[in-house]
Amino acid sequence: QVQLVESGGGLVQAGGSLTLSCAASDRAFSNYAKGWFRQAPGKEREVIAGIPGNGWSPYYADSVKGRFTISRDNAKNTVFLQMNNLKPEDTAVYYCAARSKKSNSRSMRYEDYDYWGQGTQVTVSS
């Protein structure tokens, strides 16, 4: 069972930056597809960034494209989300997730992910 722990959330002003980290407990994580999701109050959980297990072709939701970057460090069993030019509408709880099946494919569905972190709050003030 892979355990994921997010860190790096906080309060930031609009236009600012934050970097989220997600550390995994198992080295198998390096081969899994990874994703970052977020959920704002009263809204459904949405995928905002993903990276297949082979590390090729990260993908992003339109709402964050050009502002957020997903990356990974397999040696540290960690995936990152660099968030720039943050907006108040980015305020949400952010979750990292991992998927072992079809790990080299893309998925925008949270149902496809097997492992989840506990979430970290990101609040962007205007």
Foldseek 3Di string as FASTA:
>chain_A
DKAKAKDWADEEAAQAKIKMKIAIDDLCLLQWKKWKWWDDPPGDIWTAWIAFSVRPDIDGDPVQPPFWDWDDDSVRRMIMIIGGRDDQVVWTWMKMFTADPPRRDDDGDPVRTDYIYPTDTHGYHD
